[in-house]
Amino acid sequence: LITSGFPSVCCPFHSIVLASLMVFMYDKDAGFLVTALSVRHTVLPIVLTRPGFWVFLCVHAGVAAAYRYGYLRRSDKEGPVDFVHLDWNDMKVVSSIATFCLVFYLNQCYRKYVYLHDIVRDMNTNCLCMVQEAWVHFGQDCPQCVWLAYR
């Protein structure tokens, strides 16, 4: 908590407030291996709790094991083609359409992210400047009002 006086410029105040509002504190003294293997505050625990992840992982392991033990044949060998075989010539159009849709969708997501990022930064700047104004006008007379405005 910040209890001392605040600088009169918004920019240093901005960094002070952001540092006090951080939810996750990064341990800079931790080793490289500890940092690389830590899974807290990542997406990994969320992914590992989804049943869809485990279903697709089991299907992948089953198909890989079936191929390795000879239950599924390769497509370049002579004989009948397995039911899971997909010819690359049949997949060219599908993969090109999928690639186009993926690139278009990712571009839209990125544009939306940049737009929301700009709005949030503007809101944060306006809020910090409003709090700075409250400190300038009410700071000496009513510190409780300033504290309430900060919250």
N, C-alpha and C. Protein backbone atom coordinates (compact mmCIF):
# COMPACT_ATOMS: atom_id res chain seq x y z
N LEU A 1 0.84 -1.18 0.00
CA LEU A 1 0.00 0.00 0.00
C LEU A 1 0.88 1.24 0.00
N ILE A 2 0.43 2.23 -0.71
CA ILE A 2 1.18 3.47 -0.83
C ILE A 2 0.60 4.48 0.14
N THR A 3 1.41 4.95 1.07
CA THR A 3 0.91 5.90 2.07
C THR A 3 1.63 7.22 2.02
N SER A 4 2.73 7.28 1.31
CA SER A 4 3.48 8.54 1.26
C SER A 4 2.91 9.44 0.16
N GLY A 5 3.48 10.62 0.00
CA GLY A 5 3.01 11.56 -1.01
C GLY A 5 3.26 11.05 -2.41
N PHE A 6 2.50 11.53 -3.34
CA PHE A 6 2.59 11.09 -4.71
C PHE A 6 3.26 12.16 -5.55
N PRO A 7 3.98 11.76 -6.58
CA PRO A 7 4.57 12.75 -7.48
C PRO A 7 3.49 13.51 -8.24
N SER A 8 3.83 14.65 -8.73
CA SER A 8 2.84 15.49 -9.38
C SER A 8 2.66 15.16 -10.86
N VAL A 9 3.44 14.25 -11.41
CA VAL A 9 3.34 13.88 -12.81
C VAL A 9 2.66 12.52 -12.91
N CYS A 10 1.82 12.35 -13.93
CA CYS A 10 1.05 11.10 -14.06
C CYS A 10 1.92 9.90 -14.39
N CYS A 11 2.97 10.05 -15.16
CA CYS A 11 3.74 8.90 -15.62
C CYS A 11 4.41 8.12 -14.49
N PRO A 12 5.14 8.74 -13.56
CA PRO A 12 5.72 7.93 -12.47
C PRO A 12 4.63 7.34 -11.58
N PHE A 13 3.56 8.08 -11.39
CA PHE A 13 2.44 7.58 -10.58
C PHE A 13 1.85 6.34 -11.23
N HIS A 14 1.79 6.36 -12.54
CA HIS A 14 1.27 5.23 -13.31
C HIS A 14 2.06 3.96 -12.98
N SER A 15 3.37 4.03 -12.98
CA SER A 15 4.17 2.85 -12.70
C SER A 15 4.05 2.40 -11.26
N ILE A 16 3.88 3.34 -10.32
CA ILE A 16 3.73 2.98 -8.91
C ILE A 16 2.43 2.20 -8.71
N VAL A 17 1.35 2.69 -9.30
CA VAL A 17 0.07 2.02 -9.13
C VAL A 17 0.08 0.65 -9.81
N LEU A 18 0.67 0.55 -10.99
CA LEU A 18 0.73 -0.74 -11.66
C LEU A 18 1.54 -1.75 -10.87
N ALA A 19 2.62 -1.31 -10.26
CA ALA A 19 3.43 -2.23 -9.46
C ALA A 19 2.67 -2.70 -8.23
N SER A 20 1.83 -1.85 -7.65
CA SER A 20 1.09 -2.26 -6.46
C SER A 20 -0.11 -3.13 -6.81
N LEU A 21 -0.59 -3.08 -8.06
CA LEU A 21 -1.76 -3.87 -8.44
C LEU A 21 -1.40 -5.20 -9.08
N MET A 22 -0.13 -5.52 -9.20
CA MET A 22 0.27 -6.77 -9.83
C MET A 22 -0.25 -7.96 -9.04
N VAL A 23 -0.79 -8.94 -9.73
CA VAL A 23 -1.33 -10.09 -9.06
C VAL A 23 -0.25 -11.16 -8.91
N PHE A 24 0.59 -11.30 -9.90
CA PHE A 24 1.62 -12.33 -9.90
C PHE A 24 2.98 -11.67 -9.80
N MET A 25 3.70 -12.01 -8.76
CA MET A 25 5.04 -11.46 -8.58
C MET A 25 6.05 -12.46 -9.13
N TYR A 26 6.87 -12.03 -10.06
CA TYR A 26 7.88 -12.87 -10.69
C TYR A 26 9.11 -12.93 -9.80
N ASP A 27 9.62 -14.12 -9.55
CA ASP A 27 10.81 -14.29 -8.72
C ASP A 27 12.04 -14.25 -9.62
N LYS A 28 12.72 -13.12 -9.61
CA LYS A 28 13.88 -12.95 -10.48
C LYS A 28 15.10 -13.72 -9.99
N ASP A 29 15.09 -14.15 -8.74
CA ASP A 29 16.24 -14.89 -8.20
C ASP A 29 16.14 -16.39 -8.44
N ALA A 30 15.01 -16.86 -8.95
CA ALA A 30 14.85 -18.29 -9.21
C ALA A 30 15.73 -18.69 -10.38
N GLY A 31 16.18 -19.91 -10.36
CA GLY A 31 17.04 -20.40 -11.42
C GLY A 31 16.30 -20.58 -12.74
N PHE A 32 17.08 -20.77 -13.79
CA PHE A 32 16.51 -20.92 -15.13
C PHE A 32 15.65 -22.17 -15.22
N LEU A 33 16.13 -23.27 -14.66
CA LEU A 33 15.40 -24.52 -14.73
C LEU A 33 14.10 -24.46 -13.93
N VAL A 34 14.14 -23.83 -12.77
CA VAL A 34 12.93 -23.69 -11.95
C VAL A 34 11.90 -22.84 -12.68
N THR A 35 12.35 -21.75 -13.30
CA THR A 35 11.44 -20.88 -14.04
C THR A 35 10.87 -21.59 -15.26
N ALA A 36 11.69 -22.35 -15.96
CA ALA A 36 11.23 -23.03 -17.18
C ALA A 36 10.25 -24.15 -16.86
N LEU A 37 10.40 -24.81 -15.71
CA LEU A 37 9.54 -25.93 -15.39
C LEU A 37 8.34 -25.58 -14.51
N SER A 38 8.20 -24.33 -14.14
CA SER A 38 7.05 -23.95 -13.32
C SER A 38 5.80 -23.87 -14.19
N VAL A 39 4.70 -24.41 -13.69
CA VAL A 39 3.46 -24.43 -14.45
C VAL A 39 2.40 -23.52 -13.85
N ARG A 40 2.65 -22.96 -12.67
CA ARG A 40 1.68 -22.04 -12.09
C ARG A 40 1.59 -20.79 -12.96
N HIS A 41 0.42 -20.22 -13.02
CA HIS A 41 0.14 -19.02 -13.80
C HIS A 41 0.38 -19.24 -15.30
N THR A 42 0.17 -20.47 -15.76
CA THR A 42 0.24 -20.77 -17.18
C THR A 42 -1.08 -21.41 -17.61
N VAL A 43 -1.18 -21.74 -18.87
CA VAL A 43 -2.40 -22.35 -19.39
C VAL A 43 -2.38 -23.87 -19.21
N LEU A 44 -1.27 -24.42 -18.83
CA LEU A 44 -1.14 -25.87 -18.72
C LEU A 44 -2.11 -26.52 -17.74
N PRO A 45 -2.31 -26.01 -16.51
CA PRO A 45 -3.30 -26.64 -15.64
C PRO A 45 -4.72 -26.62 -16.21
N ILE A 46 -5.06 -25.59 -16.96
CA ILE A 46 -6.39 -25.51 -17.56
C ILE A 46 -6.54 -26.56 -18.65
N VAL A 47 -5.50 -26.72 -19.47
CA VAL A 47 -5.55 -27.70 -20.56
C VAL A 47 -5.63 -29.11 -20.00
N LEU A 48 -4.87 -29.41 -18.96
CA LEU A 48 -4.83 -30.77 -18.42
C LEU A 48 -6.12 -31.17 -17.72
N THR A 49 -6.99 -30.22 -17.39
CA THR A 49 -8.26 -30.57 -16.76
C THR A 49 -9.39 -30.75 -17.77
N ARG A 50 -9.13 -30.50 -19.04
CA ARG A 50 -10.16 -30.65 -20.08
C ARG A 50 -10.25 -32.09 -20.54
N PRO A 51 -11.46 -32.64 -20.62
CA PRO A 51 -11.58 -34.03 -21.09
C PRO A 51 -11.26 -34.17 -22.58
N GLY A 52 -11.49 -33.13 -23.36
CA GLY A 52 -11.19 -33.21 -24.79
C GLY A 52 -9.72 -33.44 -25.07
N PHE A 53 -8.86 -32.85 -24.26
CA PHE A 53 -7.42 -33.04 -24.42
C PHE A 53 -7.07 -34.51 -24.24
N TRP A 54 -7.63 -35.13 -23.20
CA TRP A 54 -7.31 -36.52 -22.92
C TRP A 54 -7.90 -37.46 -23.96
N VAL A 55 -9.08 -37.12 -24.50
CA VAL A 55 -9.67 -37.95 -25.55
C VAL A 55 -8.79 -37.93 -26.79
N PHE A 56 -8.38 -36.75 -27.24
CA PHE A 56 -7.54 -36.66 -28.43
C PHE A 56 -6.16 -37.28 -28.20
N LEU A 57 -5.64 -37.16 -26.99
CA LEU A 57 -4.35 -37.78 -26.69
C LEU A 57 -4.45 -39.30 -26.74
N CYS A 58 -5.55 -39.86 -26.22
CA CYS A 58 -5.75 -41.31 -26.26
C CYS A 58 -5.98 -41.79 -27.69
N VAL A 59 -6.73 -41.06 -28.49
CA VAL A 59 -6.93 -41.44 -29.89
C VAL A 59 -5.61 -41.42 -30.64
N HIS A 60 -4.82 -40.40 -30.41
CA HIS A 60 -3.50 -40.31 -31.05
C HIS A 60 -2.62 -41.49 -30.63
N ALA A 61 -2.60 -41.79 -29.34
CA ALA A 61 -1.77 -42.90 -28.87
C ALA A 61 -2.27 -44.22 -29.44
N GLY A 62 -3.59 -44.40 -29.56
CA GLY A 62 -4.13 -45.62 -30.13
C GLY A 62 -3.78 -45.80 -31.59
N VAL A 63 -3.89 -44.74 -32.38
CA VAL A 63 -3.55 -44.84 -33.81
C VAL A 63 -2.05 -45.06 -33.97
N ALA A 64 -1.24 -44.38 -33.17
CA ALA A 64 0.21 -44.57 -33.26
C ALA A 64 0.60 -45.99 -32.89
N ALA A 65 -0.02 -46.56 -31.85
CA ALA A 65 0.29 -47.93 -31.45
C ALA A 65 -0.19 -48.92 -32.51
N ALA A 66 -1.37 -48.69 -33.09
CA ALA A 66 -1.88 -49.58 -34.14
C ALA A 66 -0.97 -49.57 -35.36
N TYR A 67 -0.45 -48.43 -35.71
CA TYR A 67 0.47 -48.36 -36.86
C TYR A 67 1.79 -49.05 -36.52
N ARG A 68 2.28 -48.84 -35.33
CA ARG A 68 3.58 -49.40 -34.94
C ARG A 68 3.55 -50.92 -34.86
N TYR A 69 2.42 -51.47 -34.41
CA TYR A 69 2.32 -52.93 -34.27
C TYR A 69 1.75 -53.60 -35.51
N GLY A 70 1.56 -52.86 -36.60
CA GLY A 70 1.20 -53.46 -37.88
C GLY A 70 -0.28 -53.60 -38.15
N TYR A 71 -1.15 -53.04 -37.32
CA TYR A 71 -2.58 -53.11 -37.58
C TYR A 71 -3.00 -52.14 -38.68
N LEU A 72 -2.25 -51.10 -38.89
CA LEU A 72 -2.50 -50.15 -39.98
C LEU A 72 -1.31 -50.20 -40.93
N ARG A 73 -1.59 -50.31 -42.24
CA ARG A 73 -0.52 -50.38 -43.23
C ARG A 73 -0.22 -49.01 -43.79
N ARG A 74 0.99 -48.87 -44.27
CA ARG A 74 1.38 -47.63 -44.94
C ARG A 74 0.70 -47.57 -46.30
N SER A 75 0.51 -46.37 -46.83
CA SER A 75 -0.21 -46.21 -48.09
C SER A 75 0.66 -46.53 -49.29
N ASP A 76 1.99 -46.50 -49.15
CA ASP A 76 2.84 -46.74 -50.31
C ASP A 76 3.08 -48.24 -50.55
N LYS A 77 2.63 -49.10 -49.66
CA LYS A 77 2.77 -50.54 -49.87
C LYS A 77 1.63 -51.04 -50.75
N GLU A 78 1.87 -52.13 -51.43
CA GLU A 78 0.85 -52.68 -52.32
C GLU A 78 -0.21 -53.41 -51.50
N GLY A 79 -1.37 -53.44 -52.05
CA GLY A 79 -2.47 -54.10 -51.36
C GLY A 79 -3.58 -53.11 -51.10
N PRO A 80 -4.60 -53.56 -50.38
CA PRO A 80 -5.73 -52.67 -50.11
C PRO A 80 -5.32 -51.53 -49.17
N VAL A 81 -5.94 -50.39 -49.39
CA VAL A 81 -5.64 -49.21 -48.59
C VAL A 81 -6.50 -49.24 -47.34
N ASP A 82 -5.92 -48.87 -46.21
CA ASP A 82 -6.67 -48.85 -44.95
C ASP A 82 -7.72 -47.77 -44.96
N PHE A 83 -8.70 -47.91 -44.07
CA PHE A 83 -9.80 -46.95 -44.01
C PHE A 83 -9.36 -45.59 -43.46
N VAL A 84 -8.22 -45.52 -42.77
CA VAL A 84 -7.76 -44.25 -42.22
C VAL A 84 -6.80 -43.52 -43.15
N HIS A 85 -6.55 -44.09 -44.32
CA HIS A 85 -5.60 -43.48 -45.25
C HIS A 85 -6.24 -42.29 -45.97
N LEU A 86 -5.53 -41.17 -46.00
CA LEU A 86 -5.95 -40.00 -46.77
C LEU A 86 -4.85 -39.67 -47.77
N ASP A 87 -5.23 -39.59 -49.02
CA ASP A 87 -4.27 -39.26 -50.05
C ASP A 87 -3.98 -37.76 -50.02
N TRP A 88 -2.74 -37.38 -50.18
CA TRP A 88 -2.36 -35.98 -50.10
C TRP A 88 -3.01 -35.17 -51.22
N ASN A 89 -3.20 -35.74 -52.39
CA ASN A 89 -3.83 -35.01 -53.50
C ASN A 89 -5.28 -34.65 -53.18
N ASP A 90 -5.94 -35.46 -52.38
CA ASP A 90 -7.31 -35.16 -51.98
C ASP A 90 -7.37 -34.06 -50.92
N MET A 91 -6.29 -33.87 -50.22
CA MET A 91 -6.26 -32.92 -49.11
C MET A 91 -5.75 -31.54 -49.48
N LYS A 92 -5.31 -31.32 -50.70
CA LYS A 92 -4.73 -30.03 -51.08
C LYS A 92 -5.74 -28.89 -50.96
N VAL A 93 -6.92 -29.07 -51.50
CA VAL A 93 -7.93 -28.03 -51.47
C VAL A 93 -8.40 -27.78 -50.04
N VAL A 94 -8.63 -28.84 -49.30
CA VAL A 94 -9.10 -28.70 -47.92
C VAL A 94 -8.07 -27.98 -47.07
N SER A 95 -6.80 -28.35 -47.22
CA SER A 95 -5.77 -27.70 -46.41
C SER A 95 -5.56 -26.24 -46.81
N SER A 96 -5.70 -25.91 -48.09
CA SER A 96 -5.54 -24.51 -48.48
C SER A 96 -6.70 -23.66 -47.97
N ILE A 97 -7.92 -24.18 -48.01
CA ILE A 97 -9.06 -23.44 -47.46
C ILE A 97 -8.93 -23.30 -45.95
N ALA A 98 -8.50 -24.35 -45.28
CA ALA A 98 -8.31 -24.28 -43.83
C ALA A 98 -7.23 -23.27 -43.47
N THR A 99 -6.15 -23.23 -44.24
CA THR A 99 -5.08 -22.26 -43.99
C THR A 99 -5.58 -20.84 -44.18
N PHE A 100 -6.35 -20.60 -45.24
CA PHE A 100 -6.89 -19.27 -45.47
C PHE A 100 -7.81 -18.85 -44.33
N CYS A 101 -8.69 -19.75 -43.90
CA CYS A 101 -9.62 -19.42 -42.81
C CYS A 101 -8.87 -19.16 -41.51
N LEU A 102 -7.86 -19.95 -41.25
CA LEU A 102 -7.07 -19.77 -40.03
C LEU A 102 -6.35 -18.43 -40.03
N VAL A 103 -5.72 -18.08 -41.15
CA VAL A 103 -5.02 -16.79 -41.22
C VAL A 103 -6.01 -15.63 -41.09
N PHE A 104 -7.15 -15.73 -41.75
CA PHE A 104 -8.15 -14.67 -41.65
C PHE A 104 -8.66 -14.53 -40.22
N TYR A 105 -8.95 -15.65 -39.57
CA TYR A 105 -9.46 -15.62 -38.20
C TYR A 105 -8.41 -15.05 -37.24
N LEU A 106 -7.17 -15.46 -37.38
CA LEU A 106 -6.11 -14.95 -36.50
C LEU A 106 -5.90 -13.46 -36.70
N ASN A 107 -6.03 -12.98 -37.94
CA ASN A 107 -5.91 -11.55 -38.19
C ASN A 107 -7.03 -10.79 -37.50
N GLN A 108 -8.25 -11.32 -37.55
CA GLN A 108 -9.37 -10.68 -36.87
C GLN A 108 -9.16 -10.67 -35.36
N CYS A 109 -8.68 -11.77 -34.81
CA CYS A 109 -8.42 -11.84 -33.36
C CYS A 109 -7.36 -10.84 -32.96
N TYR A 110 -6.31 -10.74 -33.75
CA TYR A 110 -5.23 -9.81 -33.42
C TYR A 110 -5.73 -8.37 -33.50
N ARG A 111 -6.53 -8.05 -34.50
CA ARG A 111 -7.08 -6.69 -34.60
C ARG A 111 -7.95 -6.35 -33.40
N LYS A 112 -8.78 -7.31 -32.99
CA LYS A 112 -9.64 -7.09 -31.82
C LYS A 112 -8.81 -6.92 -30.55
N TYR A 113 -7.73 -7.71 -30.42
CA TYR A 113 -6.85 -7.59 -29.27
C TYR A 113 -6.18 -6.22 -29.23
N VAL A 114 -5.68 -5.74 -30.36
CA VAL A 114 -5.02 -4.44 -30.39
C VAL A 114 -6.02 -3.33 -30.07
N TYR A 115 -7.24 -3.43 -30.57
CA TYR A 115 -8.26 -2.44 -30.29
C TYR A 115 -8.58 -2.40 -28.80
N LEU A 116 -8.82 -3.58 -28.21
CA LEU A 116 -9.12 -3.64 -26.78
C LEU A 116 -7.93 -3.19 -25.93
N HIS A 117 -6.73 -3.51 -26.36
CA HIS A 117 -5.53 -3.08 -25.65
C HIS A 117 -5.44 -1.55 -25.62
N ASP A 118 -5.70 -0.92 -26.74
CA ASP A 118 -5.66 0.55 -26.79
C ASP A 118 -6.73 1.16 -25.89
N ILE A 119 -7.93 0.58 -25.90
CA ILE A 119 -9.00 1.10 -25.05
C ILE A 119 -8.64 0.96 -23.57
N VAL A 120 -8.13 -0.20 -23.19
CA VAL A 120 -7.78 -0.42 -21.79
C VAL A 120 -6.64 0.51 -21.35
N ARG A 121 -5.67 0.72 -22.22
CA ARG A 121 -4.58 1.65 -21.88
C ARG A 121 -5.10 3.07 -21.71
N ASP A 122 -6.01 3.49 -22.58
CA ASP A 122 -6.60 4.82 -22.45
C ASP A 122 -7.42 4.94 -21.16
N MET A 123 -8.19 3.89 -20.84
CA MET A 123 -8.96 3.91 -19.60
C MET A 123 -8.04 3.98 -18.39
N ASN A 124 -6.96 3.22 -18.42
CA ASN A 124 -6.02 3.21 -17.30
C ASN A 124 -5.37 4.58 -17.14
N THR A 125 -4.97 5.20 -18.24
CA THR A 125 -4.37 6.53 -18.18
C THR A 125 -5.36 7.54 -17.63
N ASN A 126 -6.60 7.49 -18.10
CA ASN A 126 -7.61 8.43 -17.60
C ASN A 126 -7.90 8.23 -16.12
N CYS A 127 -7.97 6.96 -15.68
CA CYS A 127 -8.21 6.70 -14.26
C CYS A 127 -7.06 7.20 -13.40
N LEU A 128 -5.83 6.96 -13.86
CA LEU A 128 -4.68 7.41 -13.08
C LEU A 128 -4.60 8.93 -13.03
N CYS A 129 -4.92 9.59 -14.12
CA CYS A 129 -4.92 11.05 -14.11
C CYS A 129 -6.04 11.60 -13.22
N MET A 130 -7.19 10.91 -13.19
CA MET A 130 -8.28 11.34 -12.33
C MET A 130 -7.89 11.19 -10.85
N VAL A 131 -7.22 10.10 -10.52
CA VAL A 131 -6.76 9.90 -9.16
C VAL A 131 -5.71 10.94 -8.79
N GLN A 132 -4.83 11.26 -9.75
CA GLN A 132 -3.83 12.30 -9.50
C GLN A 132 -4.49 13.66 -9.25
N GLU A 133 -5.53 13.94 -10.01
CA GLU A 133 -6.27 15.19 -9.78
C GLU A 133 -6.93 15.19 -8.41
N ALA A 134 -7.48 14.06 -8.00
CA ALA A 134 -8.08 13.98 -6.66
C ALA A 134 -7.05 14.21 -5.59
N TRP A 135 -5.85 13.69 -5.79
CA TRP A 135 -4.77 13.92 -4.81
C TRP A 135 -4.38 15.39 -4.75
N VAL A 136 -4.32 16.02 -5.90
CA VAL A 136 -3.93 17.44 -5.93
C VAL A 136 -4.97 18.31 -5.24
N HIS A 137 -6.28 18.02 -5.47
CA HIS A 137 -7.33 18.87 -4.93
C HIS A 137 -7.74 18.53 -3.50
N PHE A 138 -7.71 17.24 -3.12
CA PHE A 138 -8.21 16.83 -1.82
C PHE A 138 -7.14 16.26 -0.90
N GLY A 139 -5.92 16.14 -1.36
CA GLY A 139 -4.88 15.41 -0.63
C GLY A 139 -4.62 15.92 0.76
N GLN A 140 -4.43 17.23 0.93
CA GLN A 140 -4.10 17.76 2.24
C GLN A 140 -5.34 17.89 3.12
N ASP A 141 -6.48 18.18 2.52
CA ASP A 141 -7.69 18.42 3.31
C ASP A 141 -8.37 17.12 3.75
N CYS A 142 -8.46 16.16 2.87
CA CYS A 142 -9.21 14.94 3.17
C CYS A 142 -8.48 13.71 2.61
N PRO A 143 -7.48 13.18 3.32
CA PRO A 143 -6.77 12.01 2.81
C PRO A 143 -7.67 10.77 2.70
N GLN A 144 -8.73 10.68 3.53
CA GLN A 144 -9.64 9.54 3.42
C GLN A 144 -10.41 9.57 2.11
N CYS A 145 -10.74 10.79 1.63
CA CYS A 145 -11.43 10.90 0.33
C CYS A 145 -10.52 10.45 -0.81
N VAL A 146 -9.25 10.80 -0.69
CA VAL A 146 -8.30 10.37 -1.73
C VAL A 146 -8.15 8.85 -1.71
N TRP A 147 -8.05 8.28 -0.51
CA TRP A 147 -7.93 6.83 -0.41
C TRP A 147 -9.16 6.14 -0.97
N LEU A 148 -10.33 6.70 -0.74
CA LEU A 148 -11.55 6.13 -1.29
C LEU A 148 -11.55 6.24 -2.81
N ALA A 149 -11.04 7.34 -3.35
CA ALA A 149 -10.97 7.51 -4.80
C ALA A 149 -9.97 6.51 -5.41
N TYR A 150 -8.90 6.22 -4.69
CA TYR A 150 -7.93 5.24 -5.19
C TYR A 150 -8.54 3.85 -5.29
N ARG A 151 -9.37 3.52 -4.33
CA ARG A 151 -9.97 2.20 -4.32
C ARG A 151 -11.02 2.10 -5.38
